[in-house]
Amino acid sequence: MRGKVKFYRETDGYGFIQGDDGQEYYFNMHGLREFDGVPRTGQIAEFTVVSAKGKGRKPKAENIAITGNPAGDASSGKRSETDYRMICPHCQRKMVPRMVTRNGAPYRSYCPYCGGMVRQFTACFIATSVYGDPRAPEVIAIRRFRNEVLEPRWYGRILIRCYYRISPPVAGLIRGRSFVTRPLKGMLDILARRYG
């Protein structure tokens, strides 16, 4: 199947491809192959459609190859003219933020000119402790649940704020304790299957 990248959330590790058939296909960073860089909106993609198991679940994209830029960019023989820079909230200069990671996950980004903090990223602390990797497909699926189900709702935003307040110490307590993480993993697996 061919299509175009609708969007890709680099910090969360997932996105959607608009297929030539008009349908949207979910994908995560583990579905990309032979691509050096970050998928950008509008880039052409070839992928395999994988049927999702379970009632009401939509098929997703796997084995994704980013094959080029939209028509017009590639035909001119030039690189895409899309400007991915942003304005620094401190010095007002156009820049590409510099990322700082913690335990392999995005932590903060800074302006390369003035050093001001541009963004602080929130992690799935408990989920990362349970699965042992901030880039695990299950953790990515739980981020999708946070972004698409909780964040748009007022009570969901309250739950997210509470989670980020209590989860760092809880994550530290449960890390490496399988008698606690095993039952948690069972519950989180249900959520991950639904949104993965």
N, C-alpha and C. Protein backbone atom coordinates (compact mmCIF):
# COMPACT_ATOMS: atom_id res chain seq x y z
N MET A 1 0.85 -1.18 0.00
CA MET A 1 0.00 0.00 0.00
C MET A 1 0.89 1.23 0.00
N ARG A 2 0.40 2.28 -0.65
CA ARG A 2 1.11 3.56 -0.64
C ARG A 2 0.24 4.60 0.06
N GLY A 3 0.89 5.64 0.56
CA GLY A 3 0.16 6.72 1.20
C GLY A 3 1.10 7.85 1.58
N LYS A 4 0.58 8.78 2.39
CA LYS A 4 1.38 9.91 2.85
C LYS A 4 1.33 9.96 4.37
N VAL A 5 2.44 10.37 4.96
CA VAL A 5 2.48 10.54 6.41
C VAL A 5 1.55 11.69 6.77
N LYS A 6 0.55 11.39 7.60
CA LYS A 6 -0.38 12.44 8.04
C LYS A 6 0.29 13.25 9.15
N PHE A 7 0.86 12.57 10.14
CA PHE A 7 1.69 13.21 11.15
C PHE A 7 2.46 12.13 11.89
N TYR A 8 3.54 12.56 12.54
CA TYR A 8 4.34 11.66 13.37
C TYR A 8 4.79 12.44 14.59
N ARG A 9 4.46 11.93 15.77
CA ARG A 9 4.88 12.55 17.03
C ARG A 9 6.21 11.95 17.44
N GLU A 10 7.27 12.66 17.15
CA GLU A 10 8.62 12.14 17.42
C GLU A 10 8.83 11.85 18.90
N THR A 11 8.34 12.70 19.78
CA THR A 11 8.56 12.51 21.21
C THR A 11 7.78 11.33 21.77
N ASP A 12 6.66 10.98 21.12
CA ASP A 12 5.84 9.86 21.59
C ASP A 12 6.07 8.58 20.80
N GLY A 13 6.71 8.68 19.62
CA GLY A 13 7.07 7.49 18.85
C GLY A 13 5.98 6.89 18.00
N TYR A 14 4.94 7.65 17.66
CA TYR A 14 3.89 7.09 16.81
C TYR A 14 3.30 8.16 15.89
N GLY A 15 2.52 7.69 14.91
CA GLY A 15 1.87 8.59 13.98
C GLY A 15 0.83 7.87 13.15
N PHE A 16 0.37 8.55 12.08
CA PHE A 16 -0.64 7.98 11.18
C PHE A 16 -0.24 8.23 9.74
N ILE A 17 -0.57 7.27 8.88
CA ILE A 17 -0.37 7.41 7.44
C ILE A 17 -1.75 7.42 6.79
N GLN A 18 -1.97 8.37 5.89
CA GLN A 18 -3.20 8.41 5.11
C GLN A 18 -2.95 7.58 3.87
N GLY A 19 -3.58 6.40 3.79
CA GLY A 19 -3.39 5.52 2.66
C GLY A 19 -4.05 6.05 1.40
N ASP A 20 -3.60 5.57 0.23
CA ASP A 20 -4.22 5.96 -1.03
C ASP A 20 -5.68 5.54 -1.10
N ASP A 21 -6.08 4.60 -0.23
CA ASP A 21 -7.47 4.16 -0.18
C ASP A 21 -8.34 5.08 0.68
N GLY A 22 -7.74 6.14 1.25
CA GLY A 22 -8.48 7.10 2.06
C GLY A 22 -8.53 6.77 3.54
N GLN A 23 -8.04 5.60 3.93
CA GLN A 23 -8.08 5.18 5.32
C GLN A 23 -6.81 5.61 6.05
N GLU A 24 -6.94 5.88 7.36
CA GLU A 24 -5.79 6.22 8.18
C GLU A 24 -5.25 4.96 8.84
N TYR A 25 -3.91 4.83 8.86
CA TYR A 25 -3.25 3.66 9.44
C TYR A 25 -2.30 4.12 10.54
N TYR A 26 -2.50 3.59 11.74
CA TYR A 26 -1.61 3.86 12.86
C TYR A 26 -0.27 3.15 12.63
N PHE A 27 0.83 3.79 13.06
CA PHE A 27 2.13 3.11 13.06
C PHE A 27 2.96 3.65 14.21
N ASN A 28 3.95 2.85 14.64
CA ASN A 28 4.88 3.35 15.64
C ASN A 28 6.30 3.22 15.11
N MET A 29 7.26 3.72 15.86
CA MET A 29 8.65 3.79 15.40
C MET A 29 9.22 2.43 15.06
N HIS A 30 8.68 1.36 15.64
CA HIS A 30 9.18 0.01 15.38
C HIS A 30 8.75 -0.51 14.02
N GLY A 31 7.76 0.16 13.40
CA GLY A 31 7.29 -0.26 12.08
C GLY A 31 8.08 0.33 10.93
N LEU A 32 8.99 1.27 11.23
CA LEU A 32 9.80 1.91 10.18
C LEU A 32 10.98 1.03 9.82
N ARG A 33 11.35 1.02 8.54
CA ARG A 33 12.54 0.27 8.13
C ARG A 33 13.38 1.12 7.19
N GLU A 34 14.68 0.97 7.31
CA GLU A 34 15.63 1.61 6.40
C GLU A 34 15.33 3.08 6.16
N PHE A 35 15.20 3.82 7.25
CA PHE A 35 14.95 5.26 7.11
C PHE A 35 15.78 5.99 8.13
N ASP A 36 16.61 6.90 7.64
CA ASP A 36 17.49 7.67 8.50
C ASP A 36 16.87 9.04 8.70
N GLY A 37 16.18 9.22 9.80
CA GLY A 37 15.54 10.50 10.07
C GLY A 37 14.19 10.30 10.71
N VAL A 38 13.41 11.36 10.72
CA VAL A 38 12.08 11.35 11.32
C VAL A 38 11.06 11.53 10.22
N PRO A 39 10.01 10.68 10.16
CA PRO A 39 8.98 10.87 9.14
C PRO A 39 8.33 12.25 9.30
N ARG A 40 8.13 12.93 8.18
CA ARG A 40 7.53 14.26 8.21
C ARG A 40 6.20 14.26 7.47
N THR A 41 5.33 15.16 7.87
CA THR A 41 4.02 15.28 7.25
C THR A 41 4.15 15.45 5.74
N GLY A 42 3.39 14.64 5.00
CA GLY A 42 3.37 14.73 3.55
C GLY A 42 4.34 13.81 2.83
N GLN A 43 5.28 13.21 3.55
CA GLN A 43 6.22 12.32 2.88
C GLN A 43 5.50 11.06 2.39
N ILE A 44 5.96 10.56 1.24
CA ILE A 44 5.37 9.36 0.64
C ILE A 44 5.88 8.14 1.39
N ALA A 45 4.97 7.20 1.66
CA ALA A 45 5.32 5.98 2.37
C ALA A 45 4.73 4.77 1.67
N GLU A 46 5.49 3.70 1.66
CA GLU A 46 4.99 2.39 1.23
C GLU A 46 4.99 1.51 2.46
N PHE A 47 3.93 0.73 2.64
CA PHE A 47 3.81 -0.04 3.88
C PHE A 47 2.95 -1.28 3.67
N THR A 48 3.02 -2.17 4.63
CA THR A 48 2.20 -3.37 4.65
C THR A 48 1.05 -3.14 5.62
N VAL A 49 -0.15 -3.48 5.21
CA VAL A 49 -1.32 -3.35 6.08
C VAL A 49 -1.43 -4.62 6.91
N VAL A 50 -1.54 -4.44 8.23
CA VAL A 50 -1.66 -5.56 9.15
C VAL A 50 -3.02 -5.47 9.81
N SER A 51 -3.80 -6.53 9.68
CA SER A 51 -5.13 -6.55 10.30
C SER A 51 -4.98 -6.64 11.81
N ALA A 52 -5.74 -5.82 12.50
CA ALA A 52 -5.70 -5.82 13.97
C ALA A 52 -6.71 -6.83 14.48
N LYS A 53 -6.30 -7.57 15.50
CA LYS A 53 -7.19 -8.56 16.09
C LYS A 53 -8.06 -7.89 17.14
N GLY A 54 -9.31 -8.27 17.18
CA GLY A 54 -10.23 -7.70 18.16
C GLY A 54 -11.32 -6.89 17.50
N LYS A 55 -12.46 -6.86 18.14
CA LYS A 55 -13.63 -6.17 17.61
C LYS A 55 -13.41 -4.66 17.59
N GLY A 56 -13.74 -4.04 16.46
CA GLY A 56 -13.67 -2.60 16.33
C GLY A 56 -12.28 -2.02 16.15
N ARG A 57 -11.26 -2.86 16.05
CA ARG A 57 -9.89 -2.35 15.89
C ARG A 57 -9.57 -2.19 14.42
N LYS A 58 -8.90 -1.10 14.09
CA LYS A 58 -8.57 -0.79 12.70
C LYS A 58 -7.21 -1.39 12.33
N PRO A 59 -7.01 -1.67 11.04
CA PRO A 59 -5.70 -2.18 10.61
C PRO A 59 -4.62 -1.12 10.81
N LYS A 60 -3.37 -1.57 10.94
CA LYS A 60 -2.27 -0.63 11.12
C LYS A 60 -1.19 -0.86 10.08
N ALA A 61 -0.24 0.07 10.01
CA ALA A 61 0.86 0.00 9.03
C ALA A 61 2.10 -0.59 9.69
N GLU A 62 2.76 -1.49 8.97
CA GLU A 62 4.02 -2.08 9.42
C GLU A 62 4.97 -2.08 8.23
N ASN A 63 6.23 -2.38 8.48
CA ASN A 63 7.22 -2.51 7.40
C ASN A 63 7.19 -1.28 6.48
N ILE A 64 7.28 -0.11 7.11
CA ILE A 64 7.10 1.16 6.40
C ILE A 64 8.41 1.65 5.81
N ALA A 65 8.36 2.03 4.54
CA ALA A 65 9.51 2.64 3.87
C ALA A 65 9.11 4.04 3.43
N ILE A 66 9.83 5.04 3.91
CA ILE A 66 9.61 6.41 3.46
C ILE A 66 10.35 6.54 2.13
N THR A 67 9.58 6.75 1.06
CA THR A 67 10.19 6.69 -0.28
C THR A 67 10.45 8.06 -0.88
N GLY A 68 9.95 9.12 -0.28
CA GLY A 68 10.24 10.44 -0.84
C GLY A 68 9.31 11.51 -0.35
N ASN A 69 9.50 12.70 -0.92
CA ASN A 69 8.68 13.85 -0.59
C ASN A 69 7.50 13.92 -1.54
N PRO A 70 6.50 14.73 -1.22
CA PRO A 70 5.33 14.83 -2.10
C PRO A 70 5.72 15.26 -3.51
N ALA A 71 4.87 14.95 -4.48
CA ALA A 71 5.11 15.34 -5.86
C ALA A 71 5.34 16.84 -5.91
N GLY A 72 6.32 17.24 -6.68
CA GLY A 72 6.69 18.66 -6.73
C GLY A 72 8.03 18.85 -6.06
N ASP A 73 8.21 18.29 -4.84
CA ASP A 73 9.49 18.36 -4.16
C ASP A 73 10.49 17.48 -4.88
N ALA A 74 10.08 16.23 -5.14
CA ALA A 74 11.01 15.27 -5.74
C ALA A 74 11.24 15.60 -7.21
N SER A 75 10.19 16.06 -7.91
CA SER A 75 10.34 16.31 -9.34
C SER A 75 11.28 17.47 -9.64
N SER A 76 11.41 18.39 -8.69
CA SER A 76 12.29 19.53 -8.92
C SER A 76 13.75 19.17 -8.70
N GLY A 77 13.99 18.01 -8.13
CA GLY A 77 15.36 17.59 -7.86
C GLY A 77 15.96 18.25 -6.64
N LYS A 78 15.15 19.04 -5.91
CA LYS A 78 15.64 19.72 -4.72
C LYS A 78 15.05 19.06 -3.48
N ARG A 79 15.69 19.30 -2.36
CA ARG A 79 15.15 18.83 -1.09
C ARG A 79 13.89 19.62 -0.76
N SER A 80 13.05 19.07 0.09
CA SER A 80 11.83 19.75 0.50
C SER A 80 12.16 21.11 1.13
N GLU A 81 11.33 22.10 0.81
CA GLU A 81 11.56 23.44 1.33
C GLU A 81 10.85 23.66 2.66
N THR A 82 10.21 22.62 3.22
CA THR A 82 9.51 22.76 4.48
C THR A 82 10.48 23.19 5.57
N ASP A 83 10.12 24.19 6.32
CA ASP A 83 10.96 24.71 7.39
C ASP A 83 10.47 24.13 8.71
N TYR A 84 11.28 23.27 9.34
CA TYR A 84 10.88 22.62 10.58
C TYR A 84 11.39 23.36 11.81
N ARG A 85 11.93 24.57 11.63
CA ARG A 85 12.41 25.34 12.78
C ARG A 85 11.23 25.97 13.51
N MET A 86 11.50 26.37 14.75
CA MET A 86 10.48 27.04 15.55
C MET A 86 11.08 28.30 16.16
N ILE A 87 10.23 29.16 16.68
CA ILE A 87 10.67 30.40 17.31
C ILE A 87 10.95 30.12 18.78
N CYS A 88 12.13 30.49 19.25
CA CYS A 88 12.48 30.32 20.66
C CYS A 88 11.60 31.26 21.50
N PRO A 89 10.95 30.76 22.56
CA PRO A 89 10.10 31.63 23.38
C PRO A 89 10.91 32.64 24.20
N HIS A 90 12.24 32.47 24.27
CA HIS A 90 13.08 33.37 25.08
C HIS A 90 13.76 34.44 24.23
N CYS A 91 14.48 34.03 23.17
CA CYS A 91 15.25 35.00 22.37
C CYS A 91 14.58 35.34 21.03
N GLN A 92 13.47 34.65 20.71
CA GLN A 92 12.68 34.92 19.50
C GLN A 92 13.41 34.60 18.20
N ARG A 93 14.48 33.78 18.26
CA ARG A 93 15.20 33.41 17.03
C ARG A 93 14.65 32.10 16.51
N LYS A 94 14.69 31.93 15.17
CA LYS A 94 14.28 30.66 14.56
C LYS A 94 15.36 29.64 14.82
N MET A 95 14.97 28.46 15.30
CA MET A 95 15.97 27.46 15.66
C MET A 95 15.36 26.07 15.67
N VAL A 96 16.26 25.07 15.71
CA VAL A 96 15.87 23.68 15.92
C VAL A 96 16.33 23.34 17.34
N PRO A 97 15.40 23.02 18.25
CA PRO A 97 15.78 22.77 19.64
C PRO A 97 16.75 21.59 19.77
N ARG A 98 17.61 21.66 20.77
CA ARG A 98 18.54 20.57 21.09
C ARG A 98 17.91 19.72 22.18
N MET A 99 17.84 18.42 21.93
CA MET A 99 17.17 17.49 22.83
C MET A 99 18.14 16.93 23.87
N VAL A 100 17.67 16.86 25.10
CA VAL A 100 18.40 16.20 26.19
C VAL A 100 17.56 14.99 26.60
N THR A 101 18.20 13.83 26.69
CA THR A 101 17.46 12.61 27.07
C THR A 101 17.83 12.19 28.48
N ARG A 102 16.95 11.43 29.08
CA ARG A 102 17.20 10.83 30.39
C ARG A 102 16.71 9.39 30.33
N ASN A 103 17.59 8.46 30.61
CA ASN A 103 17.28 7.02 30.51
C ASN A 103 16.75 6.66 29.12
N GLY A 104 17.30 7.27 28.09
CA GLY A 104 16.95 6.94 26.72
C GLY A 104 15.68 7.58 26.20
N ALA A 105 15.02 8.40 27.02
CA ALA A 105 13.77 9.05 26.60
C ALA A 105 13.95 10.56 26.57
N PRO A 106 13.22 11.28 25.69
CA PRO A 106 13.32 12.74 25.68
C PRO A 106 12.99 13.32 27.05
N TYR A 107 13.81 14.27 27.51
CA TYR A 107 13.61 14.88 28.83
C TYR A 107 13.30 16.37 28.69
N ARG A 108 14.22 17.11 28.07
CA ARG A 108 14.01 18.54 27.84
C ARG A 108 14.63 18.94 26.52
N SER A 109 14.14 20.05 25.95
CA SER A 109 14.78 20.61 24.77
C SER A 109 15.14 22.07 25.07
N TYR A 110 16.26 22.51 24.47
CA TYR A 110 16.81 23.83 24.73
C TYR A 110 17.11 24.56 23.43
N CYS A 111 17.07 25.89 23.49
CA CYS A 111 17.45 26.72 22.36
C CYS A 111 18.97 26.69 22.22
N PRO A 112 19.50 26.42 21.02
CA PRO A 112 20.95 26.37 20.84
C PRO A 112 21.61 27.76 20.90
N TYR A 113 20.81 28.83 20.82
CA TYR A 113 21.37 30.18 20.83
C TYR A 113 21.45 30.76 22.24
N CYS A 114 20.30 30.76 22.95
CA CYS A 114 20.28 31.41 24.28
C CYS A 114 20.32 30.40 25.43
N GLY A 115 20.10 29.12 25.13
CA GLY A 115 20.12 28.10 26.18
C GLY A 115 18.84 27.98 26.98
N GLY A 116 17.82 28.75 26.61
CA GLY A 116 16.55 28.69 27.32
C GLY A 116 15.82 27.38 27.08
N MET A 117 15.12 26.89 28.11
CA MET A 117 14.37 25.64 27.96
C MET A 117 13.14 25.90 27.09
N VAL A 118 12.98 25.07 26.06
CA VAL A 118 11.86 25.21 25.13
C VAL A 118 10.71 24.32 25.56
N ARG A 119 11.02 23.10 25.96
CA ARG A 119 9.97 22.16 26.32
C ARG A 119 10.49 21.12 27.30
N GLN A 120 9.64 20.73 28.25
CA GLN A 120 9.95 19.62 29.15
C GLN A 120 8.99 18.50 28.79
N PHE A 121 9.54 17.34 28.51
CA PHE A 121 8.73 16.21 28.09
C PHE A 121 8.34 15.37 29.30
N THR A 122 7.12 14.87 29.23
CA THR A 122 6.64 14.02 30.32
C THR A 122 6.77 12.57 29.89
N ALA A 123 7.18 11.75 30.80
CA ALA A 123 7.40 10.34 30.50
C ALA A 123 6.30 9.49 31.12
N CYS A 124 6.14 8.27 30.58
CA CYS A 124 5.23 7.30 31.18
C CYS A 124 6.03 6.53 32.23
N PHE A 125 6.20 7.13 33.41
CA PHE A 125 7.11 6.60 34.41
C PHE A 125 6.79 5.17 34.82
N ILE A 126 5.55 4.92 35.23
CA ILE A 126 5.18 3.59 35.70
C ILE A 126 5.23 2.60 34.55
N ALA A 127 4.70 2.97 33.39
CA ALA A 127 4.74 2.06 32.23
C ALA A 127 6.18 1.75 31.84
N THR A 128 7.06 2.73 31.89
CA THR A 128 8.46 2.49 31.55
C THR A 128 9.10 1.54 32.56
N SER A 129 8.75 1.68 33.85
CA SER A 129 9.28 0.76 34.86
C SER A 129 8.77 -0.66 34.64
N VAL A 130 7.51 -0.78 34.24
CA VAL A 130 6.92 -2.11 34.02
C VAL A 130 7.54 -2.79 32.82
N TYR A 131 7.71 -2.05 31.70
CA TYR A 131 8.21 -2.66 30.46
C TYR A 131 9.72 -2.54 30.30
N GLY A 132 10.36 -1.69 31.11
CA GLY A 132 11.81 -1.61 31.11
C GLY A 132 12.44 -0.80 29.99
N ASP A 133 11.62 -0.18 29.12
CA ASP A 133 12.16 0.58 27.99
C ASP A 133 11.17 1.68 27.61
N PRO A 134 11.60 2.95 27.60
CA PRO A 134 10.66 4.02 27.23
C PRO A 134 10.22 3.97 25.77
N ARG A 135 10.92 3.15 24.96
CA ARG A 135 10.56 3.02 23.54
C ARG A 135 9.84 1.70 23.25
N ALA A 136 9.45 0.96 24.28
CA ALA A 136 8.72 -0.29 24.08
C ALA A 136 7.40 -0.01 23.37
N PRO A 137 6.97 -0.88 22.45
CA PRO A 137 5.70 -0.64 21.73
C PRO A 137 4.52 -0.43 22.67
N GLU A 138 4.51 -1.12 23.80
CA GLU A 138 3.41 -0.97 24.76
C GLU A 138 3.40 0.42 25.38
N VAL A 139 4.58 0.95 25.69
CA VAL A 139 4.68 2.30 26.27
C VAL A 139 4.21 3.34 25.25
N ILE A 140 4.58 3.14 23.99
CA ILE A 140 4.13 4.04 22.92
C ILE A 140 2.61 4.01 22.80
N ALA A 141 2.02 2.81 22.89
CA ALA A 141 0.56 2.68 22.81
C ALA A 141 -0.12 3.39 23.97
N ILE A 142 0.47 3.32 25.16
CA ILE A 142 -0.11 3.99 26.33
C ILE A 142 -0.01 5.51 26.18
N ARG A 143 1.06 5.99 25.55
CA ARG A 143 1.15 7.43 25.26
C ARG A 143 0.03 7.86 24.30
N ARG A 144 -0.26 6.98 23.34
CA ARG A 144 -1.35 7.29 22.41
C ARG A 144 -2.68 7.40 23.16
N PHE A 145 -2.93 6.49 24.10
CA PHE A 145 -4.14 6.55 24.93
C PHE A 145 -4.19 7.88 25.69
N ARG A 146 -3.04 8.28 26.27
CA ARG A 146 -2.98 9.54 27.00
C ARG A 146 -3.34 10.72 26.09
N ASN A 147 -2.73 10.74 24.88
CA ASN A 147 -2.91 11.87 23.96
C ASN A 147 -4.31 11.94 23.36
N GLU A 148 -4.86 10.78 23.00
CA GLU A 148 -6.11 10.76 22.25
C GLU A 148 -7.36 10.61 23.10
N VAL A 149 -7.23 9.98 24.29
CA VAL A 149 -8.41 9.74 25.12
C VAL A 149 -8.44 10.67 26.33
N LEU A 150 -7.33 10.76 27.06
CA LEU A 150 -7.34 11.55 28.30
C LEU A 150 -7.18 13.05 28.06
N GLU A 151 -6.18 13.44 27.26
CA GLU A 151 -5.84 14.86 27.10
C GLU A 151 -6.99 15.74 26.60
N PRO A 152 -7.86 15.26 25.69
CA PRO A 152 -8.94 16.14 25.21
C PRO A 152 -10.05 16.39 26.25
N ARG A 153 -10.08 15.64 27.34
CA ARG A 153 -11.16 15.76 28.31
C ARG A 153 -10.66 16.43 29.60
N TRP A 154 -11.49 17.25 30.23
CA TRP A 154 -11.05 17.97 31.44
C TRP A 154 -10.66 17.01 32.54
N TYR A 155 -11.45 15.95 32.75
CA TYR A 155 -11.11 14.99 33.81
C TYR A 155 -9.87 14.18 33.46
N GLY A 156 -9.65 13.98 32.14
CA GLY A 156 -8.45 13.29 31.71
C GLY A 156 -7.20 14.10 32.00
N ARG A 157 -7.28 15.43 31.79
CA ARG A 157 -6.14 16.29 32.09
C ARG A 157 -5.83 16.31 33.58
N ILE A 158 -6.88 16.23 34.42
CA ILE A 158 -6.67 16.14 35.87
C ILE A 158 -5.96 14.83 36.21
N LEU A 159 -6.42 13.73 35.60
CA LEU A 159 -5.78 12.43 35.83
C LEU A 159 -4.31 12.43 35.40
N ILE A 160 -4.03 13.08 34.26
CA ILE A 160 -2.65 13.15 33.78
C ILE A 160 -1.78 13.92 34.77
N ARG A 161 -2.28 15.06 35.26
CA ARG A 161 -1.51 15.85 36.24
C ARG A 161 -1.25 15.06 37.51
N CYS A 162 -2.27 14.34 38.00
CA CYS A 162 -2.10 13.50 39.20
C CYS A 162 -1.08 12.39 38.94
N TYR A 163 -1.18 11.78 37.77
CA TYR A 163 -0.26 10.70 37.41
C TYR A 163 1.19 11.19 37.42
N TYR A 164 1.45 12.35 36.83
CA TYR A 164 2.83 12.85 36.77
C TYR A 164 3.33 13.34 38.12
N ARG A 165 2.43 13.61 39.04
CA ARG A 165 2.86 14.00 40.37
C ARG A 165 3.24 12.78 41.22
N ILE A 166 2.45 11.71 41.12
CA ILE A 166 2.71 10.56 41.99
C ILE A 166 3.55 9.46 41.35
N SER A 167 3.61 9.43 40.01
CA SER A 167 4.26 8.28 39.37
C SER A 167 5.78 8.20 39.50
N PRO A 168 6.55 9.31 39.53
CA PRO A 168 8.01 9.12 39.67
C PRO A 168 8.41 8.36 40.93
N PRO A 169 7.88 8.71 42.13
CA PRO A 169 8.27 7.91 43.29
C PRO A 169 7.74 6.47 43.24
N VAL A 170 6.52 6.30 42.69
CA VAL A 170 5.96 4.95 42.57
C VAL A 170 6.81 4.11 41.62
N ALA A 171 7.20 4.71 40.50
CA ALA A 171 8.04 4.00 39.53
C ALA A 171 9.35 3.56 40.16
N GLY A 172 9.93 4.40 41.00
CA GLY A 172 11.18 4.04 41.68
C GLY A 172 10.98 2.89 42.64
N LEU A 173 9.83 2.84 43.29
CA LEU A 173 9.55 1.76 44.24
C LEU A 173 9.31 0.41 43.56
N ILE A 174 8.64 0.43 42.40
CA ILE A 174 8.27 -0.84 41.76
C ILE A 174 9.33 -1.39 40.83
N ARG A 175 10.30 -0.55 40.42
CA ARG A 175 11.32 -0.98 39.45
C ARG A 175 12.06 -2.21 39.98
N GLY A 176 12.06 -3.27 39.19
CA GLY A 176 12.77 -4.50 39.55
C GLY A 176 12.03 -5.42 40.49
N ARG A 177 10.81 -5.06 40.88
CA ARG A 177 10.02 -5.91 41.79
C ARG A 177 8.93 -6.61 40.99
N SER A 178 9.24 -7.79 40.51
CA SER A 178 8.32 -8.50 39.60
C SER A 178 6.99 -8.84 40.24
N PHE A 179 6.95 -9.02 41.56
CA PHE A 179 5.68 -9.34 42.21
C PHE A 179 4.69 -8.18 42.11
N VAL A 180 5.19 -6.96 41.86
CA VAL A 180 4.31 -5.80 41.67
C VAL A 180 4.12 -5.53 40.18
N THR A 181 5.21 -5.59 39.41
CA THR A 181 5.11 -5.24 37.99
C THR A 181 4.33 -6.26 37.17
N ARG A 182 4.35 -7.55 37.57
CA ARG A 182 3.64 -8.57 36.80
C ARG A 182 2.14 -8.30 36.72
N PRO A 183 1.44 -8.06 37.87
CA PRO A 183 0.00 -7.75 37.74
C PRO A 183 -0.26 -6.42 37.02
N LEU A 184 0.61 -5.42 37.25
CA LEU A 184 0.45 -4.15 36.54
C LEU A 184 0.60 -4.35 35.04
N LYS A 185 1.55 -5.17 34.65
CA LYS A 185 1.78 -5.45 33.23
C LYS A 185 0.54 -6.06 32.60
N GLY A 186 -0.11 -6.97 33.32
CA GLY A 186 -1.34 -7.58 32.81
C GLY A 186 -2.41 -6.54 32.50
N MET A 187 -2.56 -5.56 33.39
CA MET A 187 -3.57 -4.51 33.18
C MET A 187 -3.15 -3.57 32.04
N LEU A 188 -1.87 -3.20 32.03
CA LEU A 188 -1.39 -2.28 30.99
C LEU A 188 -1.39 -2.94 29.61
N ASP A 189 -1.19 -4.26 29.56
CA ASP A 189 -1.22 -4.99 28.28
C ASP A 189 -2.57 -4.84 27.58
N ILE A 190 -3.65 -4.83 28.36
CA ILE A 190 -5.00 -4.67 27.79
C ILE A 190 -5.10 -3.32 27.07
N LEU A 191 -4.62 -2.27 27.75
CA LEU A 191 -4.62 -0.92 27.17
C LEU A 191 -3.71 -0.84 25.96
N ALA A 192 -2.53 -1.46 26.05
CA ALA A 192 -1.56 -1.43 24.96
C ALA A 192 -2.08 -2.15 23.72
N ARG A 193 -2.79 -3.27 23.90
CA ARG A 193 -3.35 -3.98 22.76
C ARG A 193 -4.42 -3.15 22.06
N ARG A 194 -5.17 -2.40 22.84
CA ARG A 194 -6.25 -1.58 22.27
C ARG A 194 -5.71 -0.40 21.46
N TYR A 195 -4.61 0.19 21.91
CA TYR A 195 -4.10 1.40 21.26
C TYR A 195 -2.78 1.19 20.53
N GLY A 196 -2.32 -0.06 20.42
CA GLY A 196 -1.04 -0.34 19.77
C GLY A 196 -1.12 -0.78 18.37
